[in-house]
Amino acid sequence: MAFILEAISAKVKEGGGAGRFATWKIPATMGMAYAATEYAFGIGDGSIKGYDNGKMVELLKKYCGDGIKTSTYVAPDGKEKADNFILFVGESIIFGL
């Protein structure tokens, strides 16, 4: 993996884009899939009852790393909330620096 990141960084730098391109350090899509699958198994076996935000965040951190930051959706006007809509972000790798 390090070789690929170094090759990407070199190409970005070569093209004059140093510091303007980035990616996450974690495979977020796979992490979401693993966390959701484990959560679904918990619903199926009865160890999770209904929606459990804390459990879902715990599973996201398990598969995406403790470095992620999470929040739930709140509309800009603050009137609409969706506690079951979890937003998360992880650390970035900035290419060309």
PDB file of N, CA and C in Angstrom:
ATOM      1  N   MET A   1       0.820  -1.185   0.000  1.00  0.00           N
ATOM      2  CA  MET A   1       0.000   0.000   0.000  1.00  0.00           C
ATOM      3  C   MET A   1       0.868   1.255   0.000  1.00  0.00           C
ATOM      4  N   ALA A   2       1.952   1.251   0.753  1.00  0.00           N
ATOM      5  CA  ALA A   2       2.823   2.433   0.825  1.00  0.00           C
ATOM      6  C   ALA A   2       3.380   2.769  -0.563  1.00  0.00           C
ATOM      7  N   PHE A   3       3.736   1.756  -1.339  1.00  0.00           N
ATOM      8  CA  PHE A   3       4.274   1.981  -2.684  1.00  0.00           C
ATOM      9  C   PHE A   3       3.251   2.712  -3.557  1.00  0.00           C
ATOM     10  N   ILE A   4       2.000   2.303  -3.486  1.00  0.00           N
ATOM     11  CA  ILE A   4       0.947   2.936  -4.284  1.00  0.00           C
ATOM     12  C   ILE A   4       0.762   4.389  -3.870  1.00  0.00           C
ATOM     13  N   LEU A   5       0.731   4.645  -2.569  1.00  0.00           N
ATOM     14  CA  LEU A   5       0.565   6.013  -2.087  1.00  0.00           C
ATOM     15  C   LEU A   5       1.739   6.896  -2.498  1.00  0.00           C
ATOM     16  N   GLU A   6       2.945   6.341  -2.460  1.00  0.00           N
ATOM     17  CA  GLU A   6       4.126   7.097  -2.883  1.00  0.00           C
ATOM     18  C   GLU A   6       4.078   7.396  -4.378  1.00  0.00           C
ATOM     19  N   ALA A   7       3.633   6.431  -5.185  1.00  0.00           N
ATOM     20  CA  ALA A   7       3.525   6.634  -6.633  1.00  0.00           C
ATOM     21  C   ALA A   7       2.476   7.698  -6.951  1.00  0.00           C
ATOM     22  N   ILE A   8       1.352   7.668  -6.270  1.00  0.00           N
ATOM     23  CA  ILE A   8       0.309   8.675  -6.472  1.00  0.00           C
ATOM     24  C   ILE A   8       0.842  10.048  -6.084  1.00  0.00           C
ATOM     25  N   SER A   9       1.504  10.108  -4.943  1.00  0.00           N
ATOM     26  CA  SER A   9       2.052  11.378  -4.460  1.00  0.00           C
ATOM     27  C   SER A   9       3.052  11.964  -5.457  1.00  0.00           C
ATOM     28  N   ALA A  10       3.902  11.111  -6.024  1.00  0.00           N
ATOM     29  CA  ALA A  10       4.893  11.573  -7.004  1.00  0.00           C
ATOM     30  C   ALA A  10       4.208  12.130  -8.245  1.00  0.00           C
ATOM     31  N   LYS A  11       3.182  11.465  -8.728  1.00  0.00           N
ATOM     32  CA  LYS A  11       2.457  11.933  -9.924  1.00  0.00           C
ATOM     33  C   LYS A  11       1.722  13.251  -9.643  1.00  0.00           C
ATOM     34  N   VAL A  12       1.129  13.358  -8.479  1.00  0.00           N
ATOM     35  CA  VAL A  12       0.431  14.591  -8.118  1.00  0.00           C
ATOM     36  C   VAL A  12       1.425  15.746  -8.061  1.00  0.00           C
ATOM     37  N   LYS A  13       2.573  15.489  -7.433  1.00  0.00           N
ATOM     38  CA  LYS A  13       3.611  16.518  -7.330  1.00  0.00           C
ATOM     39  C   LYS A  13       4.123  16.891  -8.717  1.00  0.00           C
ATOM     40  N   GLU A  14       4.339  15.898  -9.554  1.00  0.00           N
ATOM     41  CA  GLU A  14       4.819  16.110 -10.924  1.00  0.00           C
ATOM     42  C   GLU A  14       3.842  16.984 -11.720  1.00  0.00           C
ATOM     43  N   GLY A  15       2.557  16.822 -11.472  1.00  0.00           N
ATOM     44  CA  GLY A  15       1.534  17.589 -12.178  1.00  0.00           C
ATOM     45  C   GLY A  15       1.236  18.943 -11.548  1.00  0.00           C
ATOM     46  N   GLY A  16       1.956  19.302 -10.505  1.00  0.00           N
ATOM     47  CA  GLY A  16       1.762  20.600  -9.871  1.00  0.00           C
ATOM     48  C   GLY A  16       0.605  20.664  -8.895  1.00  0.00           C
ATOM     49  N   GLY A  17       0.133  19.515  -8.456  1.00  0.00           N
ATOM     50  CA  GLY A  17      -1.026  19.495  -7.563  1.00  0.00           C
ATOM     51  C   GLY A  17      -0.693  19.203  -6.113  1.00  0.00           C
ATOM     52  N   ALA A  18       0.584  19.335  -5.729  1.00  0.00           N
ATOM     53  CA  ALA A  18       0.983  19.021  -4.353  1.00  0.00           C
ATOM     54  C   ALA A  18       0.123  19.774  -3.343  1.00  0.00           C
ATOM     55  N   GLY A  19      -0.412  19.020  -2.391  1.00  0.00           N
ATOM     56  CA  GLY A  19      -1.218  19.608  -1.336  1.00  0.00           C
ATOM     57  C   GLY A  19      -2.675  19.844  -1.697  1.00  0.00           C
ATOM     58  N   ARG A  20      -3.063  19.554  -2.928  1.00  0.00           N
ATOM     59  CA  ARG A  20      -4.438  19.818  -3.358  1.00  0.00           C
ATOM     60  C   ARG A  20      -5.269  18.552  -3.549  1.00  0.00           C
ATOM     61  N   PHE A  21      -4.667  17.392  -3.357  1.00  0.00           N
ATOM     62  CA  PHE A  21      -5.381  16.113  -3.508  1.00  0.00           C
ATOM     63  C   PHE A  21      -5.152  15.278  -2.262  1.00  0.00           C
ATOM     64  N   ALA A  22      -6.201  14.599  -1.831  1.00  0.00           N
ATOM     65  CA  ALA A  22      -6.098  13.797  -0.607  1.00  0.00           C
ATOM     66  C   ALA A  22      -7.041  12.604  -0.668  1.00  0.00           C
ATOM     67  N   THR A  23      -6.841  11.680   0.244  1.00  0.00           N
ATOM     68  CA  THR A  23      -7.736  10.545   0.421  1.00  0.00           C
ATOM     69  C   THR A  23      -7.744  10.191   1.902  1.00  0.00           C
ATOM     70  N   TRP A  24      -8.694   9.380   2.303  1.00  0.00           N
ATOM     71  CA  TRP A  24      -8.739   8.942   3.690  1.00  0.00           C
ATOM     72  C   TRP A  24      -7.692   7.858   3.941  1.00  0.00           C
ATOM     73  N   LYS A  25      -7.250   7.773   5.181  1.00  0.00           N
ATOM     74  CA  LYS A  25      -6.288   6.738   5.572  1.00  0.00           C
ATOM     75  C   LYS A  25      -6.963   5.382   5.766  1.00  0.00           C
ATOM     76  N   ILE A  26      -8.281   5.373   5.797  1.00  0.00           N
ATOM     77  CA  ILE A  26      -9.026   4.138   6.052  1.00  0.00           C
ATOM     78  C   ILE A  26      -9.934   3.817   4.871  1.00  0.00           C
ATOM     79  N   PRO A  27     -10.216   2.547   4.645  1.00  0.00           N
ATOM     80  CA  PRO A  27     -11.168   2.182   3.585  1.00  0.00           C
ATOM     81  C   PRO A  27     -12.599   2.340   4.100  1.00  0.00           C
ATOM     82  N   ALA A  28     -13.137   3.550   3.999  1.00  0.00           N
ATOM     83  CA  ALA A  28     -14.429   3.879   4.603  1.00  0.00           C
ATOM     84  C   ALA A  28     -15.568   3.006   4.097  1.00  0.00           C
ATOM     85  N   THR A  29     -15.614   2.751   2.804  1.00  0.00           N
ATOM     86  CA  THR A  29     -16.721   1.973   2.256  1.00  0.00           C
ATOM     87  C   THR A  29     -16.737   0.566   2.844  1.00  0.00           C
ATOM     88  N   MET A  30     -15.583  -0.050   2.933  1.00  0.00           N
ATOM     89  CA  MET A  30     -15.526  -1.392   3.522  1.00  0.00           C
ATOM     90  C   MET A  30     -15.865  -1.341   5.007  1.00  0.00           C
ATOM     91  N   GLY A  31     -15.392  -0.322   5.695  1.00  0.00           N
ATOM     92  CA  GLY A  31     -15.700  -0.180   7.112  1.00  0.00           C
ATOM     93  C   GLY A  31     -17.187  -0.062   7.368  1.00  0.00           C
ATOM     94  N   MET A  32     -17.875   0.739   6.517  1.00  0.00           N
ATOM     95  CA  MET A  32     -19.326   0.876   6.659  1.00  0.00           C
ATOM     96  C   MET A  32     -20.025  -0.455   6.404  1.00  0.00           C
ATOM     97  N   ALA A  33     -19.561  -1.179   5.392  1.00  0.00           N
ATOM     98  CA  ALA A  33     -20.185  -2.469   5.071  1.00  0.00           C
ATOM     99  C   ALA A  33     -19.996  -3.472   6.207  1.00  0.00           C
ATOM    100  N   TYR A  34     -18.777  -3.559   6.752  1.00  0.00           N
ATOM    101  CA  TYR A  34     -18.521  -4.485   7.859  1.00  0.00           C
ATOM    102  C   TYR A  34     -19.335  -4.095   9.093  1.00  0.00           C
ATOM    103  N   ALA A  35     -19.349  -2.797   9.431  1.00  0.00           N
ATOM    104  CA  ALA A  35     -20.085  -2.341  10.616  1.00  0.00           C
ATOM    105  C   ALA A  35     -21.576  -2.621  10.465  1.00  0.00           C
ATOM    106  N   ALA A  36     -22.135  -2.315   9.293  1.00  0.00           N
ATOM    107  CA  ALA A  36     -23.569  -2.543   9.066  1.00  0.00           C
ATOM    108  C   ALA A  36     -23.913  -4.027   9.117  1.00  0.00           C
ATOM    109  N   THR A  37     -23.030  -4.859   8.582  1.00  0.00           N
ATOM    110  CA  THR A  37     -23.266  -6.303   8.598  1.00  0.00           C
ATOM    111  C   THR A  37     -23.254  -6.833  10.020  1.00  0.00           C
ATOM    112  N   GLU A  38     -22.256  -6.417  10.806  1.00  0.00           N
ATOM    113  CA  GLU A  38     -22.193  -6.881  12.191  1.00  0.00           C
ATOM    114  C   GLU A  38     -23.399  -6.373  12.977  1.00  0.00           C
ATOM    115  N   TYR A  39     -23.832  -5.153  12.709  1.00  0.00           N
ATOM    116  CA  TYR A  39     -25.008  -4.597  13.366  1.00  0.00           C
ATOM    117  C   TYR A  39     -26.246  -5.427  13.017  1.00  0.00           C
ATOM    118  N   ALA A  40     -26.383  -5.766  11.746  1.00  0.00           N
ATOM    119  CA  ALA A  40     -27.523  -6.577  11.303  1.00  0.00           C
ATOM    120  C   ALA A  40     -27.527  -7.947  11.977  1.00  0.00           C
ATOM    121  N   PHE A  41     -26.349  -8.561  12.121  1.00  0.00           N
ATOM    122  CA  PHE A  41     -26.280  -9.840  12.827  1.00  0.00           C
ATOM    123  C   PHE A  41     -26.722  -9.664  14.278  1.00  0.00           C
ATOM    124  N   GLY A  42     -26.359  -8.523  14.888  1.00  0.00           N
ATOM    125  CA  GLY A  42     -26.779  -8.243  16.258  1.00  0.00           C
ATOM    126  C   GLY A  42     -28.286  -8.112  16.379  1.00  0.00           C
ATOM    127  N   ILE A  43     -28.904  -7.477  15.392  1.00  0.00           N
ATOM    128  CA  ILE A  43     -30.373  -7.398  15.370  1.00  0.00           C
ATOM    129  C   ILE A  43     -30.950  -8.812  15.250  1.00  0.00           C
ATOM    130  N   GLY A  44     -30.364  -9.599  14.348  1.00  0.00           N
ATOM    131  CA  GLY A  44     -30.861 -10.957  14.107  1.00  0.00           C
ATOM    132  C   GLY A  44     -30.747 -11.872  15.314  1.00  0.00           C
ATOM    133  N   ASP A  45     -29.627 -11.759  16.047  1.00  0.00           N
ATOM    134  CA  ASP A  45     -29.457 -12.658  17.193  1.00  0.00           C
ATOM    135  C   ASP A  45     -30.013 -12.080  18.490  1.00  0.00           C
ATOM    136  N   GLY A  46     -30.565 -10.866  18.419  1.00  0.00           N
ATOM    137  CA  GLY A  46     -31.209 -10.277  19.591  1.00  0.00           C
ATOM    138  C   GLY A  46     -30.289  -9.518  20.517  1.00  0.00           C
ATOM    139  N   SER A  47     -28.990  -9.431  20.217  1.00  0.00           N
ATOM    140  CA  SER A  47     -28.078  -8.707  21.100  1.00  0.00           C
ATOM    141  C   SER A  47     -28.196  -7.187  20.934  1.00  0.00           C
ATOM    142  N   ILE A  48     -28.823  -6.742  19.838  1.00  0.00           N
ATOM    143  CA  ILE A  48     -29.109  -5.322  19.615  1.00  0.00           C
ATOM    144  C   ILE A  48     -30.613  -5.205  19.417  1.00  0.00           C
ATOM    145  N   LYS A  49     -31.211  -4.287  20.149  1.00  0.00           N
ATOM    146  CA  LYS A  49     -32.660  -4.072  20.062  1.00  0.00           C
ATOM    147  C   LYS A  49     -32.914  -2.742  19.362  1.00  0.00           C
ATOM    148  N   GLY A  50     -33.517  -2.774  18.179  1.00  0.00           N
ATOM    149  CA  GLY A  50     -33.852  -1.540  17.470  1.00  0.00           C
ATOM    150  C   GLY A  50     -32.619  -0.728  17.114  1.00  0.00           C
ATOM    151  N   TYR A  51     -32.792   0.594  17.100  1.00  0.00           N
ATOM    152  CA  TYR A  51     -31.672   1.468  16.740  1.00  0.00           C
ATOM    153  C   TYR A  51     -30.853   1.821  17.965  1.00  0.00           C
ATOM    154  N   ASP A  52     -29.541   1.626  17.872  1.00  0.00           N
ATOM    155  CA  ASP A  52     -28.610   1.908  18.962  1.00  0.00           C
ATOM    156  C   ASP A  52     -27.440   2.694  18.388  1.00  0.00           C
ATOM    157  N   ASN A  53     -27.508   4.021  18.492  1.00  0.00           N
ATOM    158  CA  ASN A  53     -26.480   4.892  17.934  1.00  0.00           C
ATOM    159  C   ASN A  53     -25.105   4.558  18.504  1.00  0.00           C
ATOM    160  N   GLY A  54     -25.018   4.375  19.808  1.00  0.00           N
ATOM    161  CA  GLY A  54     -23.740   4.079  20.449  1.00  0.00           C
ATOM    162  C   GLY A  54     -23.096   2.812  19.898  1.00  0.00           C
ATOM    163  N   LYS A  55     -23.902   1.784  19.680  1.00  0.00           N
ATOM    164  CA  LYS A  55     -23.386   0.519  19.145  1.00  0.00           C
ATOM    165  C   LYS A  55     -22.896   0.704  17.714  1.00  0.00           C
ATOM    166  N   MET A  56     -23.649   1.461  16.907  1.00  0.00           N
ATOM    167  CA  MET A  56     -23.235   1.668  15.523  1.00  0.00           C
ATOM    168  C   MET A  56     -21.939   2.457  15.458  1.00  0.00           C
ATOM    169  N   VAL A  57     -21.802   3.485  16.286  1.00  0.00           N
ATOM    170  CA  VAL A  57     -20.560   4.266  16.327  1.00  0.00           C
ATOM    171  C   VAL A  57     -19.401   3.374  16.786  1.00  0.00           C
ATOM    172  N   GLU A  58     -19.656   2.530  17.784  1.00  0.00           N
ATOM    173  CA  GLU A  58     -18.640   1.584  18.264  1.00  0.00           C
ATOM    174  C   GLU A  58     -18.158   0.685  17.120  1.00  0.00           C
ATOM    175  N   LEU A  59     -19.095   0.166  16.328  1.00  0.00           N
ATOM    176  CA  LEU A  59     -18.727  -0.707  15.208  1.00  0.00           C
ATOM    177  C   LEU A  59     -17.996   0.061  14.109  1.00  0.00           C
ATOM    178  N   LEU A  60     -18.420   1.286  13.828  1.00  0.00           N
ATOM    179  CA  LEU A  60     -17.701   2.099  12.840  1.00  0.00           C
ATOM    180  C   LEU A  60     -16.257   2.325  13.280  1.00  0.00           C
ATOM    181  N   LYS A  61     -16.059   2.604  14.568  1.00  0.00           N
ATOM    182  CA  LYS A  61     -14.699   2.812  15.084  1.00  0.00           C
ATOM    183  C   LYS A  61     -13.896   1.508  15.047  1.00  0.00           C
ATOM    184  N   LYS A  62     -14.561   0.396  15.263  1.00  0.00           N
ATOM    185  CA  LYS A  62     -13.891  -0.910  15.199  1.00  0.00           C
ATOM    186  C   LYS A  62     -13.311  -1.144  13.806  1.00  0.00           C
ATOM    187  N   TYR A  63     -14.091  -0.828  12.774  1.00  0.00           N
ATOM    188  CA  TYR A  63     -13.667  -1.132  11.411  1.00  0.00           C
ATOM    189  C   TYR A  63     -13.003   0.030  10.681  1.00  0.00           C
ATOM    190  N   CYS A  64     -13.242   1.265  11.130  1.00  0.00           N
ATOM    191  CA  CYS A  64     -12.649   2.426  10.455  1.00  0.00           C
ATOM    192  C   CYS A  64     -11.559   3.082  11.295  1.00  0.00           C
ATOM    193  N   GLY A  65     -11.399   2.622  12.527  1.00  0.00           N
ATOM    194  CA  GLY A  65     -10.359   3.164  13.399  1.00  0.00           C
ATOM    195  C   GLY A  65     -10.914   4.164  14.401  1.00  0.00           C
ATOM    196  N   ASP A  66     -10.251   4.237  15.559  1.00  0.00           N
ATOM    197  CA  ASP A  66     -10.692   5.141  16.621  1.00  0.00           C
ATOM    198  C   ASP A  66     -10.528   6.606  16.247  1.00  0.00           C
ATOM    199  N   GLY A  67      -9.760   6.877  15.188  1.00  0.00           N
ATOM    200  CA  GLY A  67      -9.508   8.262  14.782  1.00  0.00           C
ATOM    201  C   GLY A  67     -10.672   8.942  14.078  1.00  0.00           C
ATOM    202  N   ILE A  68     -11.758   8.208  13.796  1.00  0.00           N
ATOM    203  CA  ILE A  68     -12.872   8.846  13.101  1.00  0.00           C
ATOM    204  C   ILE A  68     -13.650   9.745  14.056  1.00  0.00           C
ATOM    205  N   LYS A  69     -14.276  10.761  13.484  1.00  0.00           N
ATOM    206  CA  LYS A  69     -15.153  11.640  14.244  1.00  0.00           C
ATOM    207  C   LYS A  69     -16.564  11.428  13.701  1.00  0.00           C
ATOM    208  N   THR A  70     -17.529  11.326  14.612  1.00  0.00           N
ATOM    209  CA  THR A  70     -18.907  11.061  14.192  1.00  0.00           C
ATOM    210  C   THR A  70     -19.851  12.150  14.707  1.00  0.00           C
ATOM    211  N   SER A  71     -20.953  12.304  14.010  1.00  0.00           N
ATOM    212  CA  SER A  71     -22.044  13.167  14.457  1.00  0.00           C
ATOM    213  C   SER A  71     -23.313  12.672  13.782  1.00  0.00           C
ATOM    214  N   THR A  72     -24.442  13.164  14.242  1.00  0.00           N
ATOM    215  CA  THR A  72     -25.698  12.837  13.581  1.00  0.00           C
ATOM    216  C   THR A  72     -26.150  14.062  12.799  1.00  0.00           C
ATOM    217  N   TYR A  73     -27.032  13.833  11.857  1.00  0.00           N
ATOM    218  CA  TYR A  73     -27.477  14.908  10.979  1.00  0.00           C
ATOM    219  C   TYR A  73     -28.403  15.887  11.709  1.00  0.00           C
ATOM    220  N   VAL A  74     -28.104  17.176  11.541  1.00  0.00           N
ATOM    221  CA  VAL A  74     -28.981  18.251  11.996  1.00  0.00           C
ATOM    222  C   VAL A  74     -29.060  19.234  10.836  1.00  0.00           C
ATOM    223  N   ALA A  75     -30.266  19.576  10.406  1.00  0.00           N
ATOM    224  CA  ALA A  75     -30.458  20.517   9.299  1.00  0.00           C
ATOM    225  C   ALA A  75     -29.856  21.872   9.659  1.00  0.00           C
ATOM    226  N   PRO A  76     -29.426  22.631   8.670  1.00  0.00           N
ATOM    227  CA  PRO A  76     -28.816  23.943   8.931  1.00  0.00           C
ATOM    228  C   PRO A  76     -29.678  24.869   9.798  1.00  0.00           C
ATOM    229  N   ASP A  77     -30.989  24.781   9.662  1.00  0.00           N
ATOM    230  CA  ASP A  77     -31.863  25.636  10.470  1.00  0.00           C
ATOM    231  C   ASP A  77     -32.091  25.062  11.877  1.00  0.00           C
ATOM    232  N   GLY A  78     -31.565  23.858  12.126  1.00  0.00           N
ATOM    233  CA  GLY A  78     -31.673  23.224  13.434  1.00  0.00           C
ATOM    234  C   GLY A  78     -33.029  22.619  13.751  1.00  0.00           C
ATOM    235  N   LYS A  79     -33.977  22.719  12.834  1.00  0.00           N
ATOM    236  CA  LYS A  79     -35.332  22.226  13.092  1.00  0.00           C
ATOM    237  C   LYS A  79     -35.497  20.744  12.804  1.00  0.00           C
ATOM    238  N   GLU A  80     -34.714  20.235  11.879  1.00  0.00           N
ATOM    239  CA  GLU A  80     -34.844  18.827  11.498  1.00  0.00           C
ATOM    240  C   GLU A  80     -33.603  18.065  11.950  1.00  0.00           C
ATOM    241  N   LYS A  81     -33.830  16.929  12.613  1.00  0.00           N
ATOM    242  CA  LYS A  81     -32.734  16.075  13.061  1.00  0.00           C
ATOM    243  C   LYS A  81     -33.004  14.656  12.606  1.00  0.00           C
ATOM    244  N   ALA A  82     -31.938  13.918  12.381  1.00  0.00           N
ATOM    245  CA  ALA A  82     -32.057  12.503  12.040  1.00  0.00           C
ATOM    246  C   ALA A  82     -30.996  11.763  12.852  1.00  0.00           C
ATOM    247  N   ASP A  83     -31.382  11.328  14.031  1.00  0.00           N
ATOM    248  CA  ASP A  83     -30.441  10.673  14.935  1.00  0.00           C
ATOM    249  C   ASP A  83     -29.913   9.350  14.393  1.00  0.00           C
ATOM    250  N   ASN A  84     -30.619   8.764  13.421  1.00  0.00           N
ATOM    251  CA  ASN A  84     -30.157   7.498  12.853  1.00  0.00           C
ATOM    252  C   ASN A  84     -29.340   7.707  11.574  1.00  0.00           C
ATOM    253  N   PHE A  85     -28.998   8.952  11.260  1.00  0.00           N
ATOM    254  CA  PHE A  85     -28.179   9.271  10.093  1.00  0.00           C
ATOM    255  C   PHE A  85     -26.817   9.693  10.622  1.00  0.00           C
ATOM    256  N   ILE A  86     -25.856   8.769  10.599  1.00  0.00           N
ATOM    257  CA  ILE A  86     -24.541   9.022  11.186  1.00  0.00           C
ATOM    258  C   ILE A  86     -23.581   9.520  10.112  1.00  0.00           C
ATOM    259  N   LEU A  87     -22.962  10.650  10.395  1.00  0.00           N
ATOM    260  CA  LEU A  87     -21.926  11.203   9.528  1.00  0.00           C
ATOM    261  C   LEU A  87     -20.579  10.897  10.184  1.00  0.00           C
ATOM    262  N   PHE A  88     -19.586  10.559   9.377  1.00  0.00           N
ATOM    263  CA  PHE A  88     -18.261  10.354   9.965  1.00  0.00           C
ATOM    264  C   PHE A  88     -17.180  10.777   8.991  1.00  0.00           C
ATOM    265  N   VAL A  89     -16.042  11.115   9.556  1.00  0.00           N
ATOM    266  CA  VAL A  89     -14.885  11.519   8.762  1.00  0.00           C
ATOM    267  C   VAL A  89     -13.645  10.943   9.435  1.00  0.00           C
ATOM    268  N   GLY A  90     -12.683  10.563   8.601  1.00  0.00           N
ATOM    269  CA  GLY A  90     -11.437  10.017   9.119  1.00  0.00           C
ATOM    270  C   GLY A  90     -10.266  10.925   8.782  1.00  0.00           C
ATOM    271  N   GLU A  91      -9.085  10.512   9.201  1.00  0.00           N
ATOM    272  CA  GLU A  91      -7.879  11.273   8.900  1.00  0.00           C
ATOM    273  C   GLU A  91      -7.556  11.176   7.411  1.00  0.00           C
ATOM    274  N   SER A  92      -6.848  12.176   6.902  1.00  0.00           N
ATOM    275  CA  SER A  92      -6.510  12.231   5.487  1.00  0.00           C
ATOM    276  C   SER A  92      -5.018  12.048   5.228  1.00  0.00           C
ATOM    277  N   ILE A  93      -4.731  11.583   4.030  1.00  0.00           N
ATOM    278  CA  ILE A  93      -3.376  11.576   3.491  1.00  0.00           C
ATOM    279  C   ILE A  93      -3.393  12.632   2.394  1.00  0.00           C
ATOM    280  N   ILE A  94      -2.547  13.648   2.519  1.00  0.00           N
ATOM    281  CA  ILE A  94      -2.486  14.714   1.527  1.00  0.00           C
ATOM    282  C   ILE A  94      -1.298  14.429   0.607  1.00  0.00           C
ATOM    283  N   PHE A  95      -1.588  14.306  -0.678  1.00  0.00           N
ATOM    284  CA  PHE A  95      -0.559  13.915  -1.643  1.00  0.00           C
ATOM    285  C   PHE A  95       0.355  15.066  -2.028  1.00  0.00           C
ATOM    286  N   GLY A  96       1.631  14.747  -2.213  1.00  0.00           N
ATOM    287  CA  GLY A  96       2.619  15.685  -2.727  1.00  0.00           C
ATOM    288  C   GLY A  96       3.323  16.523  -1.687  1.00  0.00           C
ATOM    289  N   LEU A  97       3.005  16.327  -0.422  1.00  0.00           N
ATOM    290  CA  LEU A  97       3.665  17.123   0.625  1.00  0.00           C
ATOM    291  C   LEU A  97       4.836  16.388   1.220  1.00  0.00           C
TER     292      LEU A  97
END
